[in-house]
Protein backbone atom coordinates (compact mmCIF):
# COMPACT_ATOMS: atom_id res chain seq x y z
CA MET A 1 0.00 0.00 0.00
CA ALA A 2 1.39 3.41 -0.99
CA LEU A 3 1.95 5.79 1.91
CA SER A 4 -0.02 8.99 1.72
CA HIS A 5 2.21 11.23 3.84
CA SER A 6 5.68 12.71 3.41
CA PRO A 7 6.81 14.24 6.72
CA ALA A 8 8.18 17.78 6.81
CA PRO A 9 11.96 17.70 6.18
CA ALA A 10 12.51 20.36 8.88
CA ARG A 11 10.47 18.53 11.52
CA TYR A 12 13.30 18.48 14.05
CA ASP A 13 14.37 22.11 13.70
CA ARG A 14 11.93 23.75 16.11
CA MET A 15 11.01 21.15 18.71
CA GLN A 16 12.99 21.03 21.94
CA TYR A 17 14.04 17.65 23.34
CA ARG A 18 14.87 16.79 26.93
CA ARG A 19 16.73 13.85 28.41
CA CYS A 20 14.51 11.41 30.28
CA GLY A 21 16.15 11.21 33.70
CA ARG A 22 19.59 9.65 33.48
CA SER A 23 18.66 7.47 30.50
CA GLY A 24 19.84 7.84 26.93
CA LEU A 25 16.32 8.66 25.73
CA LEU A 26 15.28 12.15 24.65
CA LEU A 27 11.61 13.11 24.55
CA PRO A 28 10.01 16.15 22.93
CA ALA A 29 9.12 18.89 25.41
CA VAL A 30 5.54 18.56 24.15
CA SER A 31 4.19 15.03 23.63
CA LEU A 32 0.83 13.99 22.16
CA GLY A 33 -1.60 11.97 24.25
CA LEU A 34 -4.46 10.04 22.70
CA TRP A 35 -6.59 9.76 25.86
CA GLN A 36 -9.38 11.88 24.40
CA ASN A 37 -10.39 12.60 20.79
CA PHE A 38 -8.86 9.54 19.07
CA GLY A 39 -11.45 6.87 19.79
CA GLY A 40 -13.67 5.03 17.38
CA GLU A 41 -16.35 7.70 17.65
CA ARG A 42 -14.10 10.28 15.98
CA PRO A 43 -13.69 10.50 12.19
CA LEU A 44 -10.48 8.72 11.25
CA GLU A 45 -9.36 11.54 8.96
CA GLU A 46 -9.40 14.04 11.83
CA SER A 47 -7.16 11.80 13.92
CA ARG A 48 -4.93 11.18 10.92
CA ALA A 49 -4.49 14.90 10.26
CA ILE A 50 -3.52 15.58 13.88
CA LEU A 51 -1.01 12.73 14.09
CA ARG A 52 0.63 13.65 10.80
CA HIS A 53 0.89 17.29 11.80
CA ALA A 54 2.28 16.40 15.23
CA PHE A 55 5.09 14.43 13.57
CA ASP A 56 5.72 17.33 11.19
CA LEU A 57 6.18 19.54 14.27
CA GLY A 58 8.79 17.19 15.76
CA ILE A 59 6.46 15.53 18.28
CA THR A 60 8.04 12.09 18.31
CA HIS A 61 6.28 10.72 21.40
CA ILE A 62 2.73 9.35 21.17
CA ASP A 63 1.16 8.26 24.46
CA LEU A 64 -1.64 5.69 24.65
CA ALA A 65 -3.26 3.23 27.05
CA ASN A 66 -5.27 0.06 26.58
CA ASN A 67 -8.56 1.71 27.57
CA TYR A 68 -8.29 4.96 25.63
CA GLY A 69 -11.26 5.54 23.36
CA PRO A 70 -14.19 5.44 23.61
CA PRO A 71 -14.80 2.57 23.21
CA TYR A 72 -11.91 0.94 25.07
CA GLY A 73 -9.07 -0.04 22.78
CA SER A 74 -10.22 2.10 19.89
CA ALA A 75 -7.54 4.80 20.27
CA GLU A 76 -4.90 2.09 19.82
CA GLU A 77 -6.79 0.78 16.80
CA THR A 78 -6.98 4.27 15.30
CA PHE A 79 -3.28 4.81 15.92
CA GLY A 80 -2.49 1.41 14.43
CA ARG A 81 -4.28 2.26 11.19
CA ILE A 82 -2.50 5.59 10.88
CA MET A 83 0.82 3.99 11.77
CA ARG A 84 0.31 1.38 9.04
CA ASP A 85 -0.86 3.78 6.35
CA ASP A 86 1.14 6.95 7.07
CA LEU A 87 4.03 6.50 9.50
CA ARG A 88 5.28 2.96 8.95
CA PRO A 89 8.73 3.93 7.56
CA TYR A 90 9.28 6.26 10.52
CA ARG A 91 8.81 3.75 13.36
CA ASP A 92 12.39 4.26 14.53
CA GLU A 93 11.80 8.02 14.81
CA LEU A 94 8.86 7.50 17.17
CA VAL A 95 8.49 6.72 20.86
CA ILE A 96 5.16 4.95 21.39
CA SER A 97 3.90 4.16 24.87
CA THR A 98 0.94 2.27 26.26
CA LYS A 99 -0.31 1.35 29.71
CA ALA A 100 -2.38 -1.18 31.63
CA GLY A 101 -3.97 -0.84 35.04
CA TYR A 102 -7.53 0.42 34.69
CA ASP A 103 -10.55 -1.71 33.84
CA MET A 104 -10.31 -3.12 30.34
CA TRP A 105 -12.36 -6.34 30.12
CA PRO A 106 -14.81 -8.17 32.42
CA GLY A 107 -13.82 -10.55 35.16
CA PRO A 108 -11.02 -10.68 37.73
CA TYR A 109 -8.14 -10.48 35.22
CA GLY A 110 -9.18 -7.30 33.42
CA GLU A 111 -7.66 -4.54 35.57
CA TRP A 112 -5.14 -3.56 38.28
CA GLY A 113 -1.63 -4.96 38.45
CA SER A 114 -1.42 -8.73 38.22
CA ARG A 115 1.11 -10.36 35.94
CA LYS A 116 -1.81 -12.12 34.23
CA TYR A 117 -3.51 -8.83 33.34
CA LEU A 118 -0.49 -6.71 32.43
CA LEU A 119 1.11 -9.15 30.00
CA ALA A 120 -2.19 -10.13 28.38
CA SER A 121 -3.06 -6.46 27.97
CA LEU A 122 0.27 -5.65 26.34
CA ASP A 123 -0.21 -8.45 23.82
CA GLN A 124 -3.67 -7.05 23.00
CA SER A 125 -2.28 -3.53 22.64
CA LEU A 126 0.47 -4.63 20.28
CA LYS A 127 -2.09 -6.44 18.14
CA ARG A 128 -4.39 -3.40 17.99
CA MET A 129 -1.52 -1.13 16.98
CA GLY A 130 0.13 -3.60 14.63
CA LEU A 131 3.46 -3.23 16.41
CA ASP A 132 6.16 -5.67 17.42
CA TYR A 133 7.00 -3.62 20.51
CA VAL A 134 6.20 -0.39 22.33
CA ASP A 135 8.93 1.91 23.52
CA ILE A 136 7.47 2.40 27.02
CA PHE A 137 5.07 0.11 28.86
CA TYR A 138 3.51 1.57 32.00
CA SER A 139 1.83 0.28 35.10
CA HIS A 140 -1.07 2.74 34.81
CA ARG A 141 -1.84 2.84 38.54
CA PHE A 142 -0.54 1.45 41.81
CA ASP A 143 -2.29 -1.76 42.87
CA PRO A 144 -2.54 -1.91 46.69
CA ASP A 145 -3.47 -5.60 46.64
CA THR A 146 -0.74 -7.00 44.39
CA PRO A 147 2.92 -7.20 45.44
CA LEU A 148 5.07 -4.63 43.67
CA GLU A 149 7.41 -7.47 42.76
CA GLU A 150 4.64 -9.05 40.68
CA THR A 151 3.48 -5.87 38.94
CA LEU A 152 6.98 -4.65 38.17
CA GLY A 153 8.17 -8.15 37.39
CA ALA A 154 5.62 -8.15 34.57
CA LEU A 155 7.14 -4.93 33.19
CA ASP A 156 10.59 -6.49 33.41
CA THR A 157 9.31 -9.56 31.55
CA ALA A 158 7.84 -7.36 28.81
CA VAL A 159 11.22 -5.71 28.34
CA ARG A 160 13.11 -9.01 28.35
CA GLN A 161 10.64 -10.45 25.81
CA GLY A 162 11.37 -7.50 23.50
CA LYS A 163 7.74 -6.31 23.68
CA ALA A 164 8.78 -3.06 25.38
CA LEU A 165 12.06 -1.15 25.49
CA TYR A 166 11.50 0.67 28.77
CA ALA A 167 9.35 0.41 31.92
CA GLY A 168 7.28 3.23 33.39
CA ILE A 169 4.74 3.88 36.14
CA SER A 170 1.87 6.35 36.41
CA SER A 171 0.18 8.06 39.37
CA TYR A 172 2.33 6.31 42.01
CA SER A 173 3.01 8.22 45.23
CA ALA A 174 6.57 9.29 46.06
CA ASP A 175 7.04 6.39 48.50
CA ASP A 176 5.59 3.83 46.09
CA THR A 177 7.76 5.27 43.32
CA ALA A 178 10.91 4.81 45.40
CA ALA A 179 9.88 1.24 46.19
CA ALA A 180 9.11 0.55 42.53
CA ALA A 181 12.44 1.97 41.41
CA LEU A 182 14.25 -0.30 43.84
CA VAL A 183 12.41 -3.42 42.63
CA LEU A 184 13.04 -2.58 38.98
CA ARG A 185 16.71 -1.79 39.62
CA GLU A 186 17.18 -5.16 41.32
CA LEU A 187 15.46 -6.87 38.36
CA GLY A 188 17.84 -5.12 35.95
CA THR A 189 15.21 -3.03 34.16
CA PRO A 190 15.56 0.49 35.56
CA LEU A 191 12.57 2.79 35.98
CA LEU A 192 12.63 5.08 32.95
CA ILE A 193 9.76 7.44 33.66
CA HIS A 194 6.81 8.39 35.83
CA GLN A 195 3.61 9.90 34.41
CA PRO A 196 1.71 11.93 37.03
CA SER A 197 -1.07 14.47 36.68
CA TYR A 198 0.28 18.00 37.16
CA SER A 199 -0.92 21.51 36.50
CA MET A 200 -1.18 24.93 38.08
CA LEU A 201 -4.35 23.67 39.82
CA ASN A 202 -2.91 20.25 40.78
CA ARG A 203 0.58 20.51 42.29
CA TRP A 204 0.82 17.27 44.25
CA ILE A 205 4.14 16.17 42.74
CA GLU A 206 6.14 19.13 44.07
CA PRO A 207 6.74 18.27 47.75
CA ASP A 208 8.26 14.79 47.30
CA LEU A 209 7.77 13.06 43.96
CA LEU A 210 10.07 15.23 41.82
CA ASP A 211 12.89 14.85 44.36
CA THR A 212 12.33 11.08 44.38
CA LEU A 213 12.47 10.89 40.58
CA GLU A 214 15.64 12.98 40.47
CA ARG A 215 17.26 10.76 43.07
CA GLU A 216 16.26 7.62 41.17
CA GLY A 217 17.35 9.01 37.81
CA ALA A 218 13.87 8.69 36.30
CA GLY A 219 12.16 11.14 33.98
CA CYS A 220 8.76 12.75 34.46
CA ILE A 221 6.09 13.31 31.81
CA VAL A 222 3.07 15.18 33.15
CA PHE A 223 -0.48 14.61 31.99
CA SER A 224 -3.47 16.94 32.20
CA PRO A 225 -1.25 20.07 32.27
CA LEU A 226 -4.31 22.12 31.26
CA ALA A 227 -6.37 20.59 34.08
CA GLN A 228 -8.70 18.87 31.60
CA GLY A 229 -9.22 22.17 29.78
CA MET A 230 -9.83 24.33 32.86
CA LEU A 231 -6.56 26.14 32.10
CA SER A 232 -7.70 27.30 28.68
CA ASP A 233 -9.88 30.20 27.65
CA LYS A 234 -12.82 27.80 27.31
CA TYR A 235 -14.18 28.26 30.84
CA LEU A 236 -13.35 31.92 31.54
CA ASN A 237 -17.02 32.81 31.37
CA GLY A 238 -18.49 29.59 32.76
CA ILE A 239 -19.29 26.24 31.15
CA PRO A 240 -20.01 26.46 27.40
CA ALA A 241 -22.32 24.01 25.67
CA GLY A 242 -20.49 21.03 24.19
CA SER A 243 -17.44 21.39 26.43
CA ARG A 244 -16.01 18.49 28.43
CA ALA A 245 -17.49 19.85 31.66
CA SER A 246 -20.92 20.19 30.06
CA ARG A 247 -20.90 16.44 29.35
CA ASN A 248 -19.97 15.63 32.99
CA GLY A 249 -17.43 13.06 31.85
CA SER A 250 -13.76 13.26 32.85
CA LEU A 251 -14.27 16.89 33.99
CA SER A 252 -17.07 17.38 36.50
CA PRO A 253 -18.97 20.67 36.22
CA ASP A 254 -18.68 20.88 40.02
CA LEU A 255 -14.98 21.69 39.57
CA ILE A 256 -15.81 24.86 37.60
CA SER A 257 -16.67 26.73 40.79
CA GLU A 258 -16.61 30.50 41.23
CA GLN A 259 -13.50 30.08 43.36
CA ALA A 260 -11.76 28.11 40.57
CA LEU A 261 -12.90 30.60 37.93
CA ALA A 262 -11.44 33.47 39.95
CA LYS A 263 -8.03 31.75 39.96
CA ILE A 264 -8.27 30.94 36.25
CA ARG A 265 -9.10 34.55 35.33
CA GLU A 266 -6.15 35.88 37.34
CA LEU A 267 -3.83 33.38 35.64
CA ASN A 268 -5.28 34.39 32.29
CA ASP A 269 -4.36 38.01 33.03
CA ILE A 270 -0.76 36.94 33.72
CA ALA A 271 -0.68 35.03 30.45
CA ARG A 272 -2.05 38.01 28.54
CA ARG A 273 0.67 40.27 29.96
CA ARG A 274 3.22 37.76 28.64
CA GLY A 275 1.64 37.73 25.18
CA GLN A 276 0.48 34.13 25.64
CA SER A 277 -2.81 32.32 25.92
CA LEU A 278 -3.65 30.80 29.29
CA ALA A 279 -3.03 27.32 27.86
CA GLN A 280 0.42 28.35 26.62
CA LEU A 281 1.30 29.77 30.03
CA ALA A 282 0.06 26.57 31.71
CA LEU A 283 2.28 24.42 29.47
CA ALA A 284 5.31 26.68 29.87
CA TRP A 285 4.83 26.63 33.65
CA THR A 286 4.92 22.81 33.79
CA LEU A 287 8.22 22.87 31.86
CA ARG A 288 9.89 25.46 34.14
CA ASP A 289 11.48 22.63 36.15
CA ARG A 290 14.15 20.73 34.23
CA ARG A 291 13.13 17.53 36.02
CA ILE A 292 9.98 17.59 33.89
CA THR A 293 10.95 15.77 30.72
CA SER A 294 7.79 16.46 28.72
CA THR A 295 4.28 17.83 29.04
CA LEU A 296 1.51 15.76 27.50
CA VAL A 297 -1.19 17.51 25.47
CA GLY A 298 -4.42 16.21 24.05
CA VAL A 299 -5.98 18.12 21.17
CA SER A 300 -9.04 17.94 18.96
CA THR A 301 -7.89 20.36 16.22
CA LEU A 302 -4.76 21.27 14.30
CA GLU A 303 -5.09 24.83 15.61
CA GLN A 304 -4.91 23.62 19.21
CA LEU A 305 -1.82 21.58 18.38
CA ASP A 306 -0.05 24.55 16.79
CA ALA A 307 -0.96 26.79 19.70
CA ASN A 308 0.31 24.27 22.25
CA VAL A 309 3.65 23.83 20.50
CA ALA A 310 3.96 27.63 20.26
CA ALA A 311 4.20 27.67 24.06
CA LEU A 312 7.82 26.57 23.57
CA ASP A 313 8.59 29.98 22.03
CA ASN A 314 8.12 31.68 25.42
CA LEU A 315 9.19 29.40 28.26
CA GLU A 316 11.15 31.84 30.42
CA LEU A 317 9.32 32.88 33.58
CA SER A 318 10.76 35.61 35.78
CA ASP A 319 10.86 35.32 39.56
CA GLU A 320 8.18 38.00 39.73
CA GLU A 321 5.94 36.10 37.32
CA LEU A 322 6.42 32.85 39.24
CA ALA A 323 5.54 34.57 42.50
CA ASP A 324 2.46 36.09 40.88
CA ILE A 325 1.41 32.69 39.52
CA ASP A 326 1.93 31.06 42.92
CA ARG A 327 -0.67 33.37 44.45
CA HIS A 328 -3.36 31.90 42.19
CA ALA A 329 -2.00 28.47 41.19
CA THR A 330 -3.28 26.53 44.18
CA GLU A 331 -4.80 23.11 44.72
CA SER A 332 -8.31 22.88 43.35
CA GLY A 333 -9.37 19.34 44.21
CA ILE A 334 -8.87 18.02 40.67
CA ASN A 335 -6.35 15.22 41.25
CA LEU A 336 -8.78 12.47 40.26
CA TRP A 337 -5.96 9.91 40.13
CA ALA A 338 -4.67 10.21 43.69
């Protein structure tokens, strides 16, 4: 089958890349997540246009999970079709990740952190995407009822089988992260990366987790840096029809309180003084700490993608700006993954 896309020759000229902890792997400062907007309910051509354009912009890292959709699995299927038809010759220029941990299929083996579930899920993910291996395979959430040795032993097995190149974890506490890093180090498959939620309204990683990751030599890729869209201009005047909050899905309308809106409007004023949108400020702010390897964006349009990458043109934040942001960037009860 003839490929229908020729990537931009200058695709690596503008994007910034950061080393992932103490590993040899570089990730783009902005990565593309397929959690929302790439499921089977979306027109394939819209997803194809976004993925092609992301690669043209130097976004080499595509982040998935087994249950991304809707329906579950369909984001991986969408990506697999686009990989086959558009990006196949460029596999070695891409870092593709997937995860397992949340509910995926019925019965006792369809979620959490057992060896049975994780390795079966990875095989299913590879089949959906048409890949021989993923670059990063994550434990999507900490399982309090399964020994860490079992969960992380499954990641080690995936690496040793050649089905993944690196092991990662997501939404683990600082203490659980340190314990996981120790188990993986003893197995001989070091912890590459942690993926936590993080934004100006959700700062839980600052007291302990970032120090833990630095000590362990692991990278950090943050998800939901726009607080599920709260840190965009979408909600400055309340909840618009058709928005994520209006559907009461992954963003509850209860979170768009007057108190939250007051913070968001103040942060928007800071962004405007910098010549940025609120979303661009929010992304730049997550990248202010060099321990953050990448910030993970989800988009539904090419315009959003361009605007998000443009945040990299204005990353410097003065001490005065950071102090001003700190007055308004406070916890807002949105860490749904704690």
